[in-house]
Amino acid sequence: MMALNKYRLQALAEHGHRSAILTRRLLQRTDKLLSTLLLSNNILNTAATAVVTSLAISAFGNNEIVLTIATACVALAIIVFAEIGPKVIGAAYPEKVALPASYPIAFFVQTLSPFVWLINSMVEAALKKFGLSSKGSADQSLNLAELRTLVLESGHFLPTKSRSILMNLFELESLTVEDVMTPRMRMEHLDIQRSDEELAQQIITAHHNKLPVIDKDWQQVIGLLHVRRALNLFYSNEFDKSSLEKLLQPAYFIPASTPVNQQLQLFQENKERMGLVVDEYGEVLGMITPEDILEELIGEFTSHAPNAVFKNFLDGQDDQSITVDGSIDIRDLNRTYQISLPLNGPRTLNGLILEQLQDIPEMGLSVKIDDIVIEILQVADKQVRTAKLFKIKRKS
């Protein structure tokens, strides 16, 4: 009974399994259940000892040797066949044993209820002397760490992809929007101060349906533009800055410290599809969409299989490398190439290099972080623009 998987028992009971319903009802009052089982067990063991001793005396006479042999035989039989044997079987096959046994146990619980009440009253009175209570059972609900372990040990019960999604879901608890946003330097945007021709060209070649619109710099975000709405202006030959500004919608700003799981709910409640992430001073740090959060759960929507060079990199070939942009997000880098650069500091590769060196690096300089060697290829505007990564092959 005690070795049953309570979650499987709950599932069976909810599907109308009669034995599971009865077993769950018995386990809801463990004091009655244990009192009935122990009372019955002790009565039968005591009776068995008395009967065997009586039969031995009748057959072989009343002497110490007969009593010793009889006691040893009945004790051995009780230990093997009434204690250890049944308990081992019950622990190995709890569901096969407990569910059918629930019917006779329920009968005995009902039949012996007056004796059980008397015993429980005595037990409760004794416990009160020590400041305890039989009602103070420990909470058996799972915390987050235990649930994570349960998912990891699910084995063949969960497909690998489903298990990965669940593990990523646990990670969302510790992430903020700043961890998963697209940094400002990688954002596509419009500057309203540019000429009509430049704005038109940028809108026509835009890779996204929504673009933030600024006035000179990111301190002045004047709204969001739906590119498809702007395209109608070209068909009607009405495109200019004033008509473009009329199509702008207010920007949706999100504090950088907002938890990711909370922001996903806010996107749904506010019916928003994109938000600009700002710090405590109101400066725009980047942008985030519901797709960014979902990709944290299920992976990149548009990811492509790595080519041969990347495969060799993953295999730890020390003569292969990859070249990446300095602004790449470390989380994306780790996920794409199966490496483990630290995530408890800067978000981008450029920030990680600067933190390690505590200075603006020069081209050709290399830095080793864990088993990754990073060579700086290009530096501009006090930032690492491109870098080459080598994975050190560990010695077995």
Protein backbone atom coordinates (compact mmCIF):
# COMPACT_ATOMS: atom_id res chain seq x y z
CA MET A 1 0.00 0.00 0.00
CA MET A 2 2.72 2.48 1.01
CA ALA A 3 4.94 1.64 -1.97
CA LEU A 4 2.26 2.54 -4.53
CA ASN A 5 2.98 5.34 -6.98
CA LYS A 6 0.45 7.86 -5.73
CA TYR A 7 0.32 9.70 -9.07
CA ARG A 8 -0.46 6.54 -11.01
CA LEU A 9 -3.01 5.62 -8.33
CA GLN A 10 -4.61 9.05 -8.74
CA ALA A 11 -4.75 8.61 -12.52
CA LEU A 12 -6.36 5.16 -12.23
CA ALA A 13 -8.91 6.45 -9.73
CA GLU A 14 -9.84 9.37 -11.99
CA HIS A 15 -10.45 6.88 -14.83
CA GLY A 16 -12.96 5.00 -12.67
CA HIS A 17 -10.79 2.03 -11.59
CA ARG A 18 -12.75 0.64 -8.63
CA SER A 19 -9.78 -0.96 -6.84
CA ALA A 20 -7.79 2.26 -7.23
CA ILE A 21 -10.68 4.32 -5.82
CA LEU A 22 -10.95 2.01 -2.82
CA THR A 23 -7.17 1.98 -2.28
CA ARG A 24 -6.98 5.76 -2.45
CA ARG A 25 -9.78 5.99 0.11
CA LEU A 26 -7.90 3.65 2.44
CA LEU A 27 -4.67 5.61 2.08
CA GLN A 28 -6.45 8.85 2.92
CA ARG A 29 -6.74 7.53 6.50
CA THR A 30 -3.39 5.91 7.12
CA ASP A 31 -4.05 5.82 10.87
CA LYS A 32 -7.07 3.53 10.38
CA LEU A 33 -5.28 1.47 7.72
CA LEU A 34 -2.12 0.91 9.77
CA SER A 35 -4.08 0.23 12.96
CA THR A 36 -6.21 -2.42 11.22
CA LEU A 37 -3.25 -4.12 9.54
CA LEU A 38 -1.07 -4.12 12.65
CA LEU A 39 -3.94 -5.24 14.88
CA SER A 40 -4.83 -8.12 12.55
CA ASN A 41 -1.20 -9.04 12.03
CA ASN A 42 -0.36 -9.15 15.72
CA ILE A 43 -3.52 -11.08 16.63
CA LEU A 44 -2.79 -13.72 13.99
CA ASN A 45 0.91 -13.97 14.89
CA THR A 46 0.10 -14.32 18.59
CA ALA A 47 -2.62 -16.87 17.87
CA ALA A 48 -0.28 -18.86 15.61
CA THR A 49 2.38 -18.95 18.30
CA ALA A 50 -0.12 -20.08 20.95
CA VAL A 51 -1.65 -22.79 18.73
CA VAL A 52 1.72 -24.22 17.65
CA THR A 53 3.00 -24.22 21.26
CA SER A 54 -0.17 -25.94 22.45
CA LEU A 55 0.06 -28.60 19.73
CA ALA A 56 3.72 -29.19 20.48
CA ILE A 57 3.05 -29.67 24.21
CA SER A 58 0.16 -32.06 23.45
CA ALA A 59 2.28 -34.11 21.07
CA PHE A 60 5.70 -34.11 22.73
CA GLY A 61 5.09 -33.09 26.31
CA ASN A 62 5.76 -29.93 28.30
CA ASN A 63 9.51 -29.45 28.54
CA GLU A 64 12.01 -26.73 27.66
CA ILE A 65 13.38 -28.40 24.53
CA VAL A 66 9.87 -28.79 23.01
CA LEU A 67 8.99 -25.18 23.82
CA THR A 68 12.28 -23.90 22.38
CA ILE A 69 11.93 -25.87 19.13
CA ALA A 70 8.26 -24.90 18.76
CA THR A 71 9.03 -21.22 19.37
CA ALA A 72 11.94 -21.27 16.91
CA CYS A 73 9.86 -22.99 14.21
CA VAL A 74 6.87 -20.66 14.51
CA ALA A 75 9.15 -17.58 14.66
CA LEU A 76 10.99 -18.72 11.50
CA ALA A 77 7.72 -19.42 9.71
CA ILE A 78 6.26 -16.01 10.68
CA ILE A 79 9.41 -14.11 9.67
CA VAL A 80 9.74 -15.88 6.28
CA PHE A 81 6.11 -16.38 5.24
CA ALA A 82 4.24 -13.64 7.15
CA GLU A 83 6.73 -10.78 7.38
CA ILE A 84 9.74 -10.61 5.05
CA GLY A 85 8.35 -12.68 2.15
CA PRO A 86 5.04 -10.81 1.71
CA LYS A 87 6.69 -7.42 2.25
CA VAL A 88 9.35 -8.10 -0.39
CA ILE A 89 6.69 -9.20 -2.87
CA GLY A 90 4.53 -6.19 -2.00
CA ALA A 91 7.44 -3.76 -2.47
CA ALA A 92 8.39 -5.36 -5.81
CA TYR A 93 4.84 -5.49 -7.19
CA PRO A 94 2.90 -2.86 -5.21
CA GLU A 95 0.16 -2.30 -7.75
CA LYS A 96 -0.50 -6.01 -8.42
CA VAL A 97 -0.72 -6.73 -4.69
CA ALA A 98 -2.30 -3.60 -3.21
CA LEU A 99 -5.22 -3.10 -5.59
CA PRO A 100 -6.74 -6.62 -5.24
CA ALA A 101 -5.95 -6.62 -1.50
CA SER A 102 -7.89 -3.41 -0.99
CA TYR A 103 -11.21 -5.32 -0.89
CA PRO A 104 -10.43 -7.64 2.07
CA ILE A 105 -8.52 -4.86 3.82
CA ALA A 106 -11.54 -2.55 3.49
CA PHE A 107 -13.71 -5.31 5.00
CA PHE A 108 -11.39 -5.68 7.99
CA VAL A 109 -11.17 -1.92 8.42
CA GLN A 110 -14.96 -1.79 8.67
CA THR A 111 -15.26 -4.88 10.88
CA LEU A 112 -12.53 -3.90 13.33
CA SER A 113 -13.43 -0.22 13.43
CA PRO A 114 -14.48 -0.24 17.15
CA PHE A 115 -11.16 -1.80 18.19
CA VAL A 116 -9.28 0.49 15.81
CA TRP A 117 -11.01 3.54 17.30
CA LEU A 118 -10.01 2.45 20.78
CA ILE A 119 -6.38 1.84 19.79
CA ASN A 120 -6.16 5.11 17.83
CA SER A 121 -7.54 7.02 20.81
CA MET A 122 -4.84 5.53 23.00
CA VAL A 123 -2.16 6.30 20.42
CA GLU A 124 -3.40 9.89 19.99
CA ALA A 125 -3.37 10.40 23.75
CA ALA A 126 0.20 9.11 23.93
CA LEU A 127 1.32 11.32 21.04
CA LYS A 128 -0.15 14.42 22.67
CA LYS A 129 2.12 13.85 25.64
CA PHE A 130 5.05 14.46 23.27
CA GLY A 131 3.39 17.37 21.41
CA LEU A 132 2.72 15.26 18.30
CA SER A 133 -0.41 14.42 16.30
CA SER A 134 -1.32 11.68 13.83
CA LYS A 135 -2.88 14.38 11.61
CA GLY A 136 0.47 16.13 11.08
CA SER A 137 1.57 14.05 8.06
CA ALA A 138 4.21 15.60 5.82
CA ASP A 139 3.25 17.29 2.61
CA GLN A 140 3.96 14.82 -0.23
CA SER A 141 3.61 17.26 -3.11
CA LEU A 142 6.64 17.58 -5.39
CA ASN A 143 8.76 20.70 -5.46
CA LEU A 144 10.42 21.98 -8.64
CA ALA A 145 13.71 20.15 -8.09
CA GLU A 146 11.92 16.85 -7.41
CA LEU A 147 9.71 17.32 -10.47
CA ARG A 148 12.81 17.99 -12.59
CA THR A 149 14.35 14.74 -11.32
CA LEU A 150 11.12 12.90 -12.09
CA VAL A 151 11.20 14.13 -15.70
CA LEU A 152 14.89 13.23 -16.09
CA GLU A 153 14.19 9.71 -14.85
CA SER A 154 11.07 9.27 -16.99
CA GLY A 155 13.13 7.12 -19.38
CA HIS A 156 11.10 5.51 -22.14
CA PHE A 157 7.82 6.89 -20.80
CA LEU A 158 8.47 10.27 -22.47
CA PRO A 159 9.90 10.91 -25.95
CA THR A 160 13.25 12.70 -25.93
CA LYS A 161 11.75 15.83 -27.50
CA SER A 162 8.94 16.01 -24.94
CA ARG A 163 11.41 15.54 -22.10
CA SER A 164 13.57 18.32 -23.55
CA ILE A 165 10.57 20.68 -23.73
CA LEU A 166 9.67 19.97 -20.11
CA MET A 167 13.25 20.62 -18.98
CA ASN A 168 13.26 23.91 -20.92
CA LEU A 169 9.98 24.80 -19.25
CA PHE A 170 11.66 24.48 -15.85
CA GLU A 171 14.42 26.80 -17.05
CA LEU A 172 11.86 29.53 -17.82
CA GLU A 173 11.36 29.96 -14.06
CA SER A 174 14.83 31.50 -13.76
CA LEU A 175 14.92 33.53 -17.02
CA THR A 176 13.98 37.16 -17.60
CA VAL A 177 13.10 38.83 -20.88
CA GLU A 178 16.61 40.27 -21.00
CA ASP A 179 17.98 36.72 -21.24
CA VAL A 180 16.02 35.82 -24.38
CA MET A 181 15.54 39.18 -26.14
CA THR A 182 17.09 40.18 -29.45
CA PRO A 183 19.77 42.80 -28.63
CA ARG A 184 19.27 46.31 -29.96
CA MET A 185 22.30 46.13 -32.26
CA ARG A 186 20.66 43.21 -34.11
CA MET A 187 17.26 44.85 -34.44
CA GLU A 188 15.90 46.05 -37.75
CA HIS A 189 14.40 49.54 -37.37
CA LEU A 190 13.46 52.74 -39.19
CA ASP A 191 14.86 56.20 -38.51
CA ILE A 192 12.17 58.76 -39.41
CA GLN A 193 14.89 61.37 -40.03
CA ARG A 194 16.09 59.56 -43.14
CA SER A 195 14.94 60.56 -46.60
CA ASP A 196 11.77 59.20 -48.17
CA GLU A 197 13.82 57.20 -50.66
CA GLU A 198 15.88 55.54 -47.91
CA LEU A 199 12.77 54.76 -45.86
CA ALA A 200 11.00 53.30 -48.89
CA GLN A 201 13.97 51.10 -49.76
CA GLN A 202 14.27 49.85 -46.19
CA ILE A 203 10.56 49.04 -45.97
CA ILE A 204 10.56 47.17 -49.28
CA THR A 205 13.56 45.04 -48.25
CA ALA A 206 12.50 44.55 -44.61
CA HIS A 207 12.79 41.02 -43.25
CA HIS A 208 10.12 41.50 -40.59
CA ASN A 209 6.47 42.53 -40.56
CA LYS A 210 6.87 44.93 -37.62
CA LEU A 211 9.59 47.55 -37.34
CA PRO A 212 10.33 49.95 -34.47
CA VAL A 213 10.48 53.56 -35.66
CA ILE A 214 12.86 55.99 -33.94
CA ASP A 215 13.61 59.68 -34.23
CA LYS A 216 17.42 60.02 -34.59
CA ASP A 217 18.26 57.62 -31.74
CA TRP A 218 16.75 55.00 -29.48
CA GLN A 219 15.91 57.60 -26.85
CA GLN A 220 13.02 58.64 -29.09
CA VAL A 221 10.91 55.61 -30.07
CA ILE A 222 7.83 57.02 -31.78
CA GLY A 223 6.01 53.77 -32.53
CA LEU A 224 5.80 50.50 -34.40
CA LEU A 225 5.12 50.14 -38.12
CA HIS A 226 3.27 47.26 -39.78
CA VAL A 227 5.22 46.85 -43.00
CA ARG A 228 2.28 45.43 -44.95
CA ARG A 229 0.22 48.52 -44.16
CA ALA A 230 3.04 50.75 -45.39
CA LEU A 231 3.18 48.82 -48.68
CA ASN A 232 -0.32 50.07 -49.51
CA LEU A 233 1.09 53.59 -49.64
CA PHE A 234 3.32 52.60 -52.54
CA TYR A 235 0.39 51.30 -54.59
CA SER A 236 -1.53 54.53 -54.08
CA ASN A 237 1.56 56.76 -54.63
CA GLU A 238 0.96 58.41 -51.25
CA PHE A 239 4.17 57.45 -49.52
CA ASP A 240 5.81 60.19 -47.43
CA LYS A 241 6.84 60.68 -43.84
CA SER A 242 3.57 62.23 -42.70
CA SER A 243 1.46 59.40 -44.12
CA LEU A 244 3.93 56.89 -42.67
CA GLU A 245 3.64 58.41 -39.20
CA LYS A 246 -0.15 58.06 -39.34
CA LEU A 247 0.26 54.27 -39.61
CA LEU A 248 2.39 54.00 -36.50
CA GLN A 249 1.07 52.21 -33.45
CA PRO A 250 2.23 52.84 -29.87
CA ALA A 251 5.23 50.78 -28.82
CA TYR A 252 4.81 48.18 -26.07
CA PHE A 253 7.58 48.51 -23.49
CA ILE A 254 8.69 45.71 -21.16
CA PRO A 255 10.99 46.03 -18.10
CA ALA A 256 14.15 43.98 -18.54
CA SER A 257 13.64 42.17 -15.23
CA THR A 258 10.22 40.73 -16.16
CA PRO A 259 10.18 36.91 -15.80
CA VAL A 260 9.81 35.14 -19.14
CA ASN A 261 6.88 32.95 -18.08
CA GLN A 262 5.02 36.02 -16.79
CA GLN A 263 5.70 37.94 -20.01
CA LEU A 264 4.28 35.13 -22.12
CA GLN A 265 1.03 35.48 -20.22
CA LEU A 266 1.14 39.28 -20.59
CA PHE A 267 1.55 38.94 -24.35
CA GLN A 268 -1.61 36.86 -24.39
CA GLU A 269 -3.60 39.17 -22.10
CA ASN A 270 -2.52 42.38 -23.87
CA LYS A 271 -2.82 40.85 -27.36
CA GLU A 272 0.67 42.05 -28.24
CA ARG A 273 3.09 40.34 -30.61
CA MET A 274 6.24 42.35 -29.95
CA GLY A 275 7.66 44.38 -27.10
CA LEU A 276 10.67 46.65 -26.62
CA VAL A 277 12.77 45.72 -23.58
CA VAL A 278 13.92 48.71 -21.50
CA ASP A 279 16.18 49.03 -18.48
CA GLU A 280 15.46 50.96 -15.28
CA TYR A 281 16.35 54.26 -17.01
CA GLY A 282 13.99 53.65 -19.94
CA GLU A 283 16.76 52.93 -22.44
CA VAL A 284 15.85 50.35 -25.09
CA LEU A 285 17.98 47.21 -24.73
CA GLY A 286 16.32 45.02 -27.33
CA MET A 287 13.06 43.43 -28.36
CA ILE A 288 11.17 40.25 -27.60
CA THR A 289 8.28 38.38 -29.23
CA PRO A 290 6.21 35.36 -28.13
CA GLU A 291 8.16 33.35 -30.71
CA ASP A 292 11.40 34.12 -28.86
CA ILE A 293 9.94 32.62 -25.70
CA LEU A 294 8.51 29.59 -27.49
CA GLU A 295 11.89 28.93 -29.08
CA GLU A 296 13.32 28.63 -25.58
CA LEU A 297 10.92 25.71 -25.14
CA ILE A 298 11.01 23.87 -28.45
CA GLY A 299 14.14 25.20 -30.16
CA GLU A 300 14.66 27.37 -33.22
CA PHE A 301 11.84 27.38 -35.76
CA THR A 302 14.18 28.10 -38.67
CA SER A 303 17.25 26.17 -37.60
CA HIS A 304 19.19 24.35 -40.31
CA ALA A 305 21.31 21.26 -40.05
CA PRO A 306 24.94 22.18 -39.46
CA ASN A 307 27.37 21.67 -42.30
CA ALA A 308 30.41 19.42 -42.21
CA VAL A 309 32.62 22.05 -40.55
CA PHE A 310 30.13 22.49 -37.72
CA LYS A 311 29.79 18.73 -37.29
CA ASN A 312 33.53 18.42 -36.96
CA PHE A 313 33.45 21.24 -34.42
CA LEU A 314 30.86 19.37 -32.39
CA ASP A 315 32.95 16.24 -32.55
CA GLY A 316 35.86 18.10 -30.98
CA GLN A 317 38.22 18.10 -33.96
CA ASP A 318 41.04 20.44 -32.97
CA ASP A 319 41.76 21.43 -36.58
CA GLN A 320 38.27 22.81 -37.20
CA SER A 321 36.61 26.04 -36.10
CA ILE A 322 33.61 28.26 -36.56
CA THR A 323 33.47 31.99 -37.17
CA VAL A 324 30.66 33.90 -35.47
CA ASP A 325 29.48 37.46 -34.99
CA GLY A 326 30.54 39.08 -31.73
CA SER A 327 26.96 40.11 -31.00
CA ILE A 328 25.67 36.53 -31.05
CA ASP A 329 23.72 35.54 -27.98
CA ILE A 330 25.64 33.05 -25.81
CA ARG A 331 22.51 30.99 -25.19
CA ASP A 332 21.97 30.65 -28.94
CA LEU A 333 25.65 29.81 -29.41
CA ASN A 334 25.54 27.08 -26.76
CA ARG A 335 22.32 25.62 -28.09
CA THR A 336 23.38 25.65 -31.76
CA TYR A 337 26.84 24.16 -31.34
CA GLN A 338 26.33 22.12 -28.16
CA ILE A 339 28.96 23.97 -26.12
CA SER A 340 28.79 25.34 -22.59
CA LEU A 341 30.05 28.90 -22.40
CA PRO A 342 29.03 30.52 -19.06
CA LEU A 343 25.56 32.07 -18.89
CA ASN A 344 25.78 33.75 -15.49
CA GLY A 345 27.32 36.95 -16.87
CA PRO A 346 27.16 38.86 -20.17
CA ARG A 347 24.58 37.82 -22.75
CA THR A 348 26.68 38.20 -25.91
CA LEU A 349 30.01 36.76 -26.99
CA ASN A 350 31.46 40.28 -27.19
CA GLY A 351 30.44 40.96 -23.58
CA LEU A 352 31.90 37.65 -22.42
CA ILE A 353 35.26 38.39 -24.08
CA LEU A 354 35.40 41.90 -22.60
CA GLU A 355 34.58 40.55 -19.14
CA GLN A 356 37.32 37.93 -19.38
CA LEU A 357 40.00 40.35 -20.62
CA GLN A 358 38.86 43.44 -18.66
CA ASP A 359 39.98 45.48 -21.67
CA ILE A 360 39.24 46.18 -25.33
CA PRO A 361 41.07 43.36 -27.15
CA GLU A 362 43.23 43.65 -30.23
CA MET A 363 42.84 41.60 -33.39
CA GLY A 364 44.67 38.28 -33.23
CA LEU A 365 44.38 37.98 -29.45
CA SER A 366 42.99 34.67 -28.12
CA VAL A 367 41.29 33.79 -24.85
CA LYS A 368 40.46 30.35 -23.44
CA ILE A 369 37.13 29.81 -21.67
CA ASP A 370 36.54 26.27 -20.42
CA ASP A 371 37.37 24.03 -23.42
CA ILE A 372 36.77 26.78 -26.02
CA VAL A 373 39.54 28.98 -27.45
CA ILE A 374 38.23 32.27 -28.88
CA GLU A 375 40.37 34.16 -31.37
CA ILE A 376 39.43 37.81 -32.04
CA LEU A 377 39.29 38.44 -35.79
CA GLN A 378 37.82 41.92 -36.02
CA VAL A 379 37.43 44.79 -33.54
CA ALA A 380 35.52 48.00 -34.33
CA ASP A 381 33.88 50.73 -32.26
CA LYS A 382 35.32 49.17 -29.06
CA GLN A 383 33.48 45.92 -29.77
CA VAL A 384 34.46 42.47 -31.00
CA ARG A 385 32.77 42.21 -34.38
CA THR A 386 33.83 38.68 -35.38
CA ALA A 387 35.59 35.86 -33.59
CA LYS A 388 36.75 32.34 -34.36
CA LEU A 389 35.99 29.54 -31.92
CA PHE A 390 38.06 26.39 -31.51
CA LYS A 391 36.99 23.47 -29.37
CA ILE A 392 39.83 21.81 -27.51
CA LYS A 393 39.79 18.04 -27.79
CA ARG A 394 39.85 16.61 -24.28
CA LYS A 395 42.30 13.82 -23.58
CA SER A 396 40.68 10.57 -22.54
